[in-house]
Amino acid sequence: MGLDNETLDAVIETLHQVTSSRLNLARRLELDAKDEFPHDLIGEMLGPDVGFHLFFLPEEVGGLGCGARDLFRVSEELARIDLGVGTAFLAIALGVDPIIVGATEEQRLRWLGRIAEEGLIVAYGVTEPAAGSNVAALKTTAEPIVGDDGEVKAYRL
């Protein structure tokens, strides 16, 4: 569904307020020079006072139920400020997708509920020996088996 323009503008304004003091030029240069992840800033963004983690969660688990356009706009604004932080935010948002798409209802409620309540940092990794992160080249398959959960055929190093 997505956010209305007024709400999206308020989210982006909050984003600028949080990052303007916490991610100034000196801090960005320091993070780059040390090749560090800004755990404190991301933690604040995903914490209860700011709540950006609610941005990519469905409404039924306490999220805002934002759409792809909304996620694009926030990621774009973050990338303007700092590409690394923008990428981190988007990667965390993408980490929720496998739960939304592939989890059982019980798993969805458990994990998405915890992410909403606790602001957990989530991620997922996709790789195979011959494919790397090229998801189009993955060879892993999953086949349902009657009376069982199924069978996953894969090879990992």
N, C-alpha and C. Protein backbone atom coordinates (compact mmCIF):
# COMPACT_ATOMS: atom_id res chain seq x y z
N MET A 1 0.83 -1.19 0.00
CA MET A 1 0.00 0.00 0.00
C MET A 1 0.87 1.24 0.00
N GLY A 2 1.62 1.45 1.05
CA GLY A 2 2.51 2.60 1.09
C GLY A 2 1.99 3.73 1.95
N LEU A 3 2.88 4.66 2.18
CA LEU A 3 2.57 5.83 3.01
C LEU A 3 2.01 6.95 2.17
N ASP A 4 1.21 7.80 2.79
CA ASP A 4 0.79 9.01 2.09
C ASP A 4 1.98 9.97 2.07
N ASN A 5 1.95 10.94 1.18
CA ASN A 5 3.09 11.85 0.98
C ASN A 5 3.46 12.61 2.25
N GLU A 6 2.47 13.02 3.02
CA GLU A 6 2.74 13.78 4.25
C GLU A 6 3.52 12.94 5.26
N THR A 7 3.12 11.69 5.42
CA THR A 7 3.82 10.80 6.36
C THR A 7 5.22 10.50 5.86
N LEU A 8 5.36 10.24 4.56
CA LEU A 8 6.69 9.97 4.00
C LEU A 8 7.61 11.17 4.18
N ASP A 9 7.10 12.37 3.97
CA ASP A 9 7.90 13.58 4.19
C ASP A 9 8.34 13.69 5.65
N ALA A 10 7.45 13.34 6.58
CA ALA A 10 7.79 13.38 8.01
C ALA A 10 8.87 12.36 8.33
N VAL A 11 8.81 11.19 7.73
CA VAL A 11 9.83 10.16 7.93
C VAL A 11 11.18 10.67 7.44
N ILE A 12 11.20 11.28 6.27
CA ILE A 12 12.45 11.79 5.70
C ILE A 12 12.99 12.94 6.54
N GLU A 13 12.12 13.78 7.06
CA GLU A 13 12.56 14.86 7.95
C GLU A 13 13.19 14.29 9.22
N THR A 14 12.58 13.27 9.78
CA THR A 14 13.14 12.60 10.96
C THR A 14 14.51 12.01 10.63
N LEU A 15 14.62 11.41 9.47
CA LEU A 15 15.90 10.86 9.02
C LEU A 15 16.98 11.93 9.00
N HIS A 16 16.66 13.10 8.47
CA HIS A 16 17.63 14.20 8.42
C HIS A 16 17.98 14.69 9.83
N GLN A 17 17.00 14.75 10.72
CA GLN A 17 17.27 15.18 12.09
C GLN A 17 18.23 14.22 12.80
N VAL A 18 18.00 12.92 12.63
CA VAL A 18 18.84 11.92 13.29
C VAL A 18 20.25 11.94 12.72
N THR A 19 20.37 12.00 11.42
CA THR A 19 21.69 11.88 10.80
C THR A 19 22.49 13.18 10.80
N SER A 20 21.83 14.33 10.87
CA SER A 20 22.58 15.60 10.78
C SER A 20 23.58 15.76 11.90
N SER A 21 23.22 15.35 13.09
CA SER A 21 24.16 15.49 14.21
C SER A 21 25.02 14.25 14.40
N ARG A 22 24.51 13.09 14.04
CA ARG A 22 25.22 11.84 14.31
C ARG A 22 26.10 11.38 13.15
N LEU A 23 25.90 11.96 11.97
CA LEU A 23 26.64 11.49 10.80
C LEU A 23 27.18 12.68 10.01
N ASN A 24 27.88 13.56 10.73
CA ASN A 24 28.46 14.72 10.06
C ASN A 24 29.65 14.28 9.21
N LEU A 25 30.24 15.20 8.49
CA LEU A 25 31.33 14.88 7.57
C LEU A 25 32.50 14.21 8.29
N ALA A 26 32.87 14.72 9.45
CA ALA A 26 34.00 14.13 10.19
C ALA A 26 33.72 12.68 10.54
N ARG A 27 32.50 12.39 10.97
CA ARG A 27 32.14 11.01 11.33
C ARG A 27 32.15 10.11 10.10
N ARG A 28 31.63 10.61 8.99
CA ARG A 28 31.62 9.80 7.76
C ARG A 28 33.03 9.48 7.31
N LEU A 29 33.91 10.47 7.36
CA LEU A 29 35.31 10.24 6.98
C LEU A 29 35.99 9.25 7.92
N GLU A 30 35.68 9.36 9.21
CA GLU A 30 36.26 8.43 10.19
C GLU A 30 35.79 7.00 9.92
N LEU A 31 34.50 6.82 9.66
CA LEU A 31 33.98 5.49 9.37
C LEU A 31 34.64 4.90 8.13
N ASP A 32 34.81 5.73 7.10
CA ASP A 32 35.46 5.27 5.88
C ASP A 32 36.92 4.90 6.13
N ALA A 33 37.62 5.76 6.84
CA ALA A 33 39.05 5.53 7.09
C ALA A 33 39.28 4.26 7.90
N LYS A 34 38.40 4.01 8.87
CA LYS A 34 38.54 2.83 9.73
C LYS A 34 37.80 1.61 9.18
N ASP A 35 37.07 1.81 8.08
CA ASP A 35 36.28 0.73 7.48
C ASP A 35 35.37 0.09 8.53
N GLU A 36 34.63 0.96 9.23
CA GLU A 36 33.77 0.53 10.34
C GLU A 36 32.29 0.68 10.00
N PHE A 37 31.52 -0.18 10.61
CA PHE A 37 30.06 -0.12 10.54
C PHE A 37 29.56 0.72 11.71
N PRO A 38 28.68 1.70 11.48
CA PRO A 38 28.22 2.57 12.57
C PRO A 38 27.12 1.92 13.41
N HIS A 39 27.51 0.95 14.24
CA HIS A 39 26.54 0.22 15.07
C HIS A 39 25.68 1.17 15.90
N ASP A 40 26.30 2.19 16.47
CA ASP A 40 25.55 3.10 17.33
C ASP A 40 24.45 3.83 16.56
N LEU A 41 24.78 4.33 15.38
CA LEU A 41 23.79 5.06 14.58
C LEU A 41 22.69 4.14 14.09
N ILE A 42 23.06 2.98 13.56
CA ILE A 42 22.05 2.04 13.08
C ILE A 42 21.18 1.59 14.24
N GLY A 43 21.79 1.33 15.39
CA GLY A 43 21.02 0.95 16.58
C GLY A 43 20.02 2.03 16.97
N GLU A 44 20.44 3.28 16.89
CA GLU A 44 19.53 4.39 17.21
C GLU A 44 18.40 4.47 16.18
N MET A 45 18.75 4.32 14.90
CA MET A 45 17.73 4.38 13.85
C MET A 45 16.69 3.28 14.00
N LEU A 46 17.13 2.10 14.47
CA LEU A 46 16.22 0.97 14.62
C LEU A 46 15.64 0.87 16.02
N GLY A 47 16.01 1.79 16.89
CA GLY A 47 15.54 1.76 18.27
C GLY A 47 14.15 2.35 18.43
N PRO A 48 13.61 2.28 19.64
CA PRO A 48 12.24 2.71 19.89
C PRO A 48 12.01 4.22 19.73
N ASP A 49 13.04 5.03 19.91
CA ASP A 49 12.86 6.48 19.79
C ASP A 49 12.70 6.94 18.35
N VAL A 50 13.37 6.26 17.42
CA VAL A 50 13.29 6.64 16.00
C VAL A 50 12.39 5.67 15.25
N GLY A 51 12.63 4.39 15.38
CA GLY A 51 11.72 3.38 14.84
C GLY A 51 11.77 3.13 13.35
N PHE A 52 12.90 3.34 12.70
CA PHE A 52 12.97 3.09 11.26
C PHE A 52 12.79 1.62 10.90
N HIS A 53 12.99 0.73 11.86
CA HIS A 53 12.77 -0.69 11.59
C HIS A 53 11.30 -0.98 11.29
N LEU A 54 10.40 -0.14 11.78
CA LEU A 54 8.98 -0.33 11.51
C LEU A 54 8.64 -0.02 10.06
N PHE A 55 9.54 0.66 9.41
CA PHE A 55 9.34 1.09 8.04
C PHE A 55 9.16 -0.09 7.09
N PHE A 56 9.92 -1.15 7.29
CA PHE A 56 9.87 -2.27 6.36
C PHE A 56 9.16 -3.50 6.92
N LEU A 57 8.34 -3.30 7.94
CA LEU A 57 7.56 -4.40 8.51
C LEU A 57 6.08 -4.23 8.20
N PRO A 58 5.37 -5.35 8.01
CA PRO A 58 3.93 -5.28 7.74
C PRO A 58 3.16 -4.71 8.93
N GLU A 59 2.04 -4.10 8.64
CA GLU A 59 1.21 -3.50 9.68
C GLU A 59 0.73 -4.52 10.71
N GLU A 60 0.46 -5.75 10.28
CA GLU A 60 -0.09 -6.76 11.20
C GLU A 60 0.86 -7.15 12.32
N VAL A 61 2.15 -6.80 12.20
CA VAL A 61 3.11 -7.08 13.28
C VAL A 61 3.59 -5.79 13.95
N GLY A 62 2.91 -4.69 13.67
CA GLY A 62 3.26 -3.42 14.29
C GLY A 62 4.10 -2.51 13.43
N GLY A 63 4.32 -2.89 12.18
CA GLY A 63 5.10 -2.05 11.27
C GLY A 63 4.24 -1.01 10.58
N LEU A 64 4.87 -0.25 9.71
CA LEU A 64 4.17 0.79 8.97
C LEU A 64 3.61 0.29 7.64
N GLY A 65 4.06 -0.88 7.20
CA GLY A 65 3.55 -1.44 5.95
C GLY A 65 3.90 -0.61 4.73
N CYS A 66 5.09 -0.09 4.71
CA CYS A 66 5.51 0.77 3.60
C CYS A 66 5.67 -0.03 2.31
N GLY A 67 5.55 0.67 1.21
CA GLY A 67 5.72 0.04 -0.09
C GLY A 67 7.11 0.25 -0.64
N ALA A 68 7.34 -0.30 -1.82
CA ALA A 68 8.65 -0.22 -2.48
C ALA A 68 9.03 1.24 -2.74
N ARG A 69 8.06 2.07 -3.12
CA ARG A 69 8.34 3.49 -3.38
C ARG A 69 8.86 4.18 -2.12
N ASP A 70 8.25 3.86 -1.00
CA ASP A 70 8.66 4.46 0.27
C ASP A 70 10.08 4.02 0.64
N LEU A 71 10.34 2.73 0.51
CA LEU A 71 11.67 2.21 0.82
C LEU A 71 12.71 2.83 -0.10
N PHE A 72 12.36 3.01 -1.36
CA PHE A 72 13.27 3.66 -2.31
C PHE A 72 13.58 5.08 -1.87
N ARG A 73 12.56 5.84 -1.50
CA ARG A 73 12.76 7.25 -1.12
C ARG A 73 13.65 7.38 0.11
N VAL A 74 13.42 6.55 1.12
CA VAL A 74 14.23 6.62 2.33
C VAL A 74 15.66 6.17 2.04
N SER A 75 15.81 5.09 1.28
CA SER A 75 17.15 4.62 0.91
C SER A 75 17.89 5.66 0.08
N GLU A 76 17.18 6.32 -0.82
CA GLU A 76 17.78 7.37 -1.64
C GLU A 76 18.28 8.52 -0.76
N GLU A 77 17.47 8.94 0.19
CA GLU A 77 17.87 10.02 1.09
C GLU A 77 19.07 9.62 1.94
N LEU A 78 19.06 8.40 2.45
CA LEU A 78 20.20 7.92 3.23
C LEU A 78 21.46 7.85 2.37
N ALA A 79 21.34 7.40 1.14
CA ALA A 79 22.50 7.31 0.25
C ALA A 79 23.06 8.69 -0.06
N ARG A 80 22.21 9.70 -0.12
CA ARG A 80 22.70 11.07 -0.32
C ARG A 80 23.57 11.51 0.85
N ILE A 81 23.21 11.06 2.03
CA ILE A 81 23.95 11.43 3.24
C ILE A 81 25.21 10.59 3.34
N ASP A 82 25.05 9.27 3.21
CA ASP A 82 26.20 8.36 3.28
C ASP A 82 25.81 7.04 2.62
N LEU A 83 26.52 6.67 1.57
CA LEU A 83 26.17 5.47 0.81
C LEU A 83 26.27 4.21 1.66
N GLY A 84 27.26 4.15 2.54
CA GLY A 84 27.41 2.98 3.40
C GLY A 84 26.23 2.79 4.33
N VAL A 85 25.77 3.87 4.95
CA VAL A 85 24.62 3.78 5.86
C VAL A 85 23.36 3.48 5.06
N GLY A 86 23.23 4.08 3.89
CA GLY A 86 22.08 3.78 3.03
C GLY A 86 22.04 2.32 2.63
N THR A 87 23.19 1.78 2.29
CA THR A 87 23.28 0.36 1.92
C THR A 87 22.97 -0.53 3.12
N ALA A 88 23.47 -0.16 4.29
CA ALA A 88 23.19 -0.95 5.50
C ALA A 88 21.69 -0.97 5.79
N PHE A 89 21.04 0.18 5.69
CA PHE A 89 19.61 0.25 5.95
C PHE A 89 18.85 -0.63 4.97
N LEU A 90 19.20 -0.53 3.69
CA LEU A 90 18.51 -1.33 2.68
C LEU A 90 18.77 -2.82 2.89
N ALA A 91 19.99 -3.18 3.25
CA ALA A 91 20.31 -4.59 3.51
C ALA A 91 19.50 -5.13 4.69
N ILE A 92 19.33 -4.31 5.71
CA ILE A 92 18.52 -4.73 6.86
C ILE A 92 17.07 -4.91 6.44
N ALA A 93 16.57 -3.99 5.62
CA ALA A 93 15.21 -4.11 5.11
C ALA A 93 15.05 -5.38 4.29
N LEU A 94 16.04 -5.68 3.46
CA LEU A 94 15.98 -6.89 2.63
C LEU A 94 16.05 -8.15 3.48
N GLY A 95 16.67 -8.07 4.64
CA GLY A 95 16.75 -9.22 5.53
C GLY A 95 15.41 -9.69 6.05
N VAL A 96 14.42 -8.83 6.00
CA VAL A 96 13.07 -9.17 6.46
C VAL A 96 12.30 -9.93 5.37
N ASP A 97 12.63 -9.70 4.11
CA ASP A 97 11.87 -10.29 3.00
C ASP A 97 11.76 -11.81 3.05
N PRO A 98 12.84 -12.56 3.30
CA PRO A 98 12.67 -14.02 3.35
C PRO A 98 11.69 -14.47 4.43
N ILE A 99 11.61 -13.73 5.51
CA ILE A 99 10.66 -14.08 6.57
C ILE A 99 9.24 -13.78 6.09
N ILE A 100 9.05 -12.64 5.47
CA ILE A 100 7.73 -12.27 4.97
C ILE A 100 7.25 -13.26 3.92
N VAL A 101 8.15 -13.64 3.02
CA VAL A 101 7.78 -14.48 1.88
C VAL A 101 7.76 -15.97 2.21
N GLY A 102 8.74 -16.45 2.98
CA GLY A 102 8.90 -17.89 3.11
C GLY A 102 8.61 -18.51 4.46
N ALA A 103 8.36 -17.72 5.47
CA ALA A 103 8.16 -18.28 6.81
C ALA A 103 6.73 -18.77 6.99
N THR A 104 6.56 -19.67 7.93
CA THR A 104 5.21 -20.07 8.31
C THR A 104 4.57 -18.89 9.05
N GLU A 105 3.27 -18.94 9.23
CA GLU A 105 2.59 -17.86 9.95
C GLU A 105 3.14 -17.72 11.36
N GLU A 106 3.39 -18.84 12.02
CA GLU A 106 3.94 -18.81 13.37
C GLU A 106 5.32 -18.15 13.38
N GLN A 107 6.17 -18.51 12.42
CA GLN A 107 7.50 -17.91 12.32
C GLN A 107 7.41 -16.42 12.02
N ARG A 108 6.51 -16.06 11.11
CA ARG A 108 6.34 -14.64 10.77
C ARG A 108 5.99 -13.82 12.00
N LEU A 109 4.99 -14.28 12.74
CA LEU A 109 4.56 -13.54 13.93
C LEU A 109 5.67 -13.47 14.97
N ARG A 110 6.37 -14.60 15.16
CA ARG A 110 7.44 -14.63 16.16
C ARG A 110 8.57 -13.68 15.79
N TRP A 111 9.12 -13.84 14.59
CA TRP A 111 10.31 -13.07 14.24
C TRP A 111 10.00 -11.63 13.85
N LEU A 112 8.97 -11.42 13.06
CA LEU A 112 8.64 -10.04 12.69
C LEU A 112 8.17 -9.27 13.92
N GLY A 113 7.47 -9.95 14.82
CA GLY A 113 7.07 -9.31 16.07
C GLY A 113 8.27 -8.89 16.91
N ARG A 114 9.26 -9.76 17.00
CA ARG A 114 10.49 -9.42 17.75
C ARG A 114 11.23 -8.28 17.07
N ILE A 115 11.29 -8.30 15.75
CA ILE A 115 11.98 -7.22 15.04
C ILE A 115 11.27 -5.90 15.32
N ALA A 116 9.94 -5.92 15.29
CA ALA A 116 9.16 -4.71 15.57
C ALA A 116 9.37 -4.22 17.00
N GLU A 117 9.33 -5.14 17.95
CA GLU A 117 9.44 -4.76 19.36
C GLU A 117 10.85 -4.42 19.80
N GLU A 118 11.83 -5.15 19.29
CA GLU A 118 13.21 -5.02 19.77
C GLU A 118 14.14 -4.29 18.81
N GLY A 119 13.69 -4.02 17.59
CA GLY A 119 14.56 -3.36 16.62
C GLY A 119 15.78 -4.19 16.25
N LEU A 120 15.60 -5.51 16.15
CA LEU A 120 16.72 -6.39 15.81
C LEU A 120 17.31 -6.03 14.45
N ILE A 121 18.62 -6.15 14.34
CA ILE A 121 19.28 -5.99 13.04
C ILE A 121 19.26 -7.35 12.38
N VAL A 122 18.67 -7.43 11.21
CA VAL A 122 18.56 -8.70 10.50
C VAL A 122 19.26 -8.60 9.15
N ALA A 123 19.61 -9.75 8.62
CA ALA A 123 20.24 -9.81 7.31
C ALA A 123 20.07 -11.21 6.76
N TYR A 124 20.36 -11.38 5.51
CA TYR A 124 20.41 -12.71 4.95
C TYR A 124 21.54 -12.76 3.94
N GLY A 125 22.02 -13.96 3.72
CA GLY A 125 23.10 -14.15 2.76
C GLY A 125 22.68 -15.14 1.70
N VAL A 126 23.04 -14.85 0.48
CA VAL A 126 22.74 -15.73 -0.63
C VAL A 126 24.05 -15.99 -1.36
N THR A 127 24.46 -17.25 -1.37
CA THR A 127 25.70 -17.57 -2.06
C THR A 127 25.79 -19.07 -2.31
N GLU A 128 26.44 -19.44 -3.35
CA GLU A 128 26.78 -20.82 -3.67
C GLU A 128 28.16 -20.80 -4.30
N PRO A 129 28.87 -21.93 -4.25
CA PRO A 129 30.23 -21.95 -4.78
C PRO A 129 30.36 -21.45 -6.22
N ALA A 130 29.45 -21.84 -7.10
CA ALA A 130 29.57 -21.44 -8.50
C ALA A 130 28.82 -20.16 -8.83
N ALA A 131 28.05 -19.64 -7.88
CA ALA A 131 27.20 -18.49 -8.17
C ALA A 131 27.61 -17.23 -7.44
N GLY A 132 28.33 -17.35 -6.33
CA GLY A 132 28.62 -16.17 -5.54
C GLY A 132 27.31 -15.57 -5.06
N SER A 133 27.14 -14.27 -5.25
CA SER A 133 25.89 -13.63 -4.85
C SER A 133 24.95 -13.41 -6.04
N ASN A 134 25.25 -14.03 -7.18
CA ASN A 134 24.40 -13.94 -8.37
C ASN A 134 23.21 -14.88 -8.19
N VAL A 135 22.10 -14.35 -7.71
CA VAL A 135 20.96 -15.20 -7.39
C VAL A 135 20.38 -15.90 -8.62
N ALA A 136 20.58 -15.35 -9.80
CA ALA A 136 20.08 -16.00 -11.01
C ALA A 136 20.84 -17.28 -11.32
N ALA A 137 22.05 -17.43 -10.79
CA ALA A 137 22.87 -18.62 -11.06
C ALA A 137 22.79 -19.68 -9.96
N LEU A 138 21.95 -19.46 -8.95
CA LEU A 138 21.84 -20.44 -7.86
C LEU A 138 21.27 -21.76 -8.37
N LYS A 139 21.76 -22.85 -7.81
CA LYS A 139 21.31 -24.19 -8.20
C LYS A 139 20.51 -24.89 -7.10
N THR A 140 20.44 -24.30 -5.92
CA THR A 140 19.70 -24.90 -4.82
C THR A 140 18.23 -25.03 -5.20
N THR A 141 17.65 -26.19 -4.87
CA THR A 141 16.23 -26.40 -5.12
C THR A 141 15.57 -26.91 -3.85
N ALA A 142 14.29 -26.71 -3.76
CA ALA A 142 13.50 -27.25 -2.66
C ALA A 142 12.28 -27.92 -3.27
N GLU A 143 12.03 -29.15 -2.85
CA GLU A 143 10.91 -29.90 -3.39
C GLU A 143 10.04 -30.39 -2.24
N PRO A 144 8.73 -30.18 -2.34
CA PRO A 144 7.85 -30.69 -1.29
C PRO A 144 7.79 -32.22 -1.34
N ILE A 145 7.69 -32.82 -0.18
CA ILE A 145 7.55 -34.27 -0.07
C ILE A 145 6.27 -34.52 0.73
N VAL A 146 5.36 -35.29 0.18
CA VAL A 146 4.09 -35.56 0.85
C VAL A 146 4.36 -36.19 2.22
N GLY A 147 3.75 -35.62 3.25
CA GLY A 147 3.90 -36.15 4.59
C GLY A 147 5.18 -35.71 5.29
N ASP A 148 5.92 -34.79 4.68
CA ASP A 148 7.18 -34.32 5.25
C ASP A 148 7.28 -32.82 4.97
N ASP A 149 8.28 -32.19 5.55
CA ASP A 149 8.47 -30.76 5.31
C ASP A 149 9.07 -30.48 3.94
N GLY A 150 9.72 -31.45 3.35
CA GLY A 150 10.32 -31.25 2.04
C GLY A 150 11.79 -31.60 2.05
N GLU A 151 12.42 -31.40 0.92
CA GLU A 151 13.83 -31.72 0.76
C GLU A 151 14.52 -30.56 0.06
N VAL A 152 15.63 -30.12 0.63
CA VAL A 152 16.44 -29.07 0.02
C VAL A 152 17.69 -29.73 -0.54
N LYS A 153 17.95 -29.46 -1.81
CA LYS A 153 19.15 -29.99 -2.46
C LYS A 153 20.09 -28.83 -2.72
N ALA A 154 21.25 -28.88 -2.06
CA ALA A 154 22.20 -27.78 -2.20
C ALA A 154 23.61 -28.28 -1.92
N TYR A 155 24.56 -27.47 -2.30
CA TYR A 155 25.97 -27.78 -2.05
C TYR A 155 26.63 -26.53 -1.49
N ARG A 156 27.30 -26.67 -0.37
CA ARG A 156 28.02 -25.55 0.25
C ARG A 156 29.44 -25.96 0.53
N LEU A 157 30.34 -25.04 0.46
CA LEU A 157 31.73 -25.30 0.83
C LEU A 157 31.92 -25.13 2.31
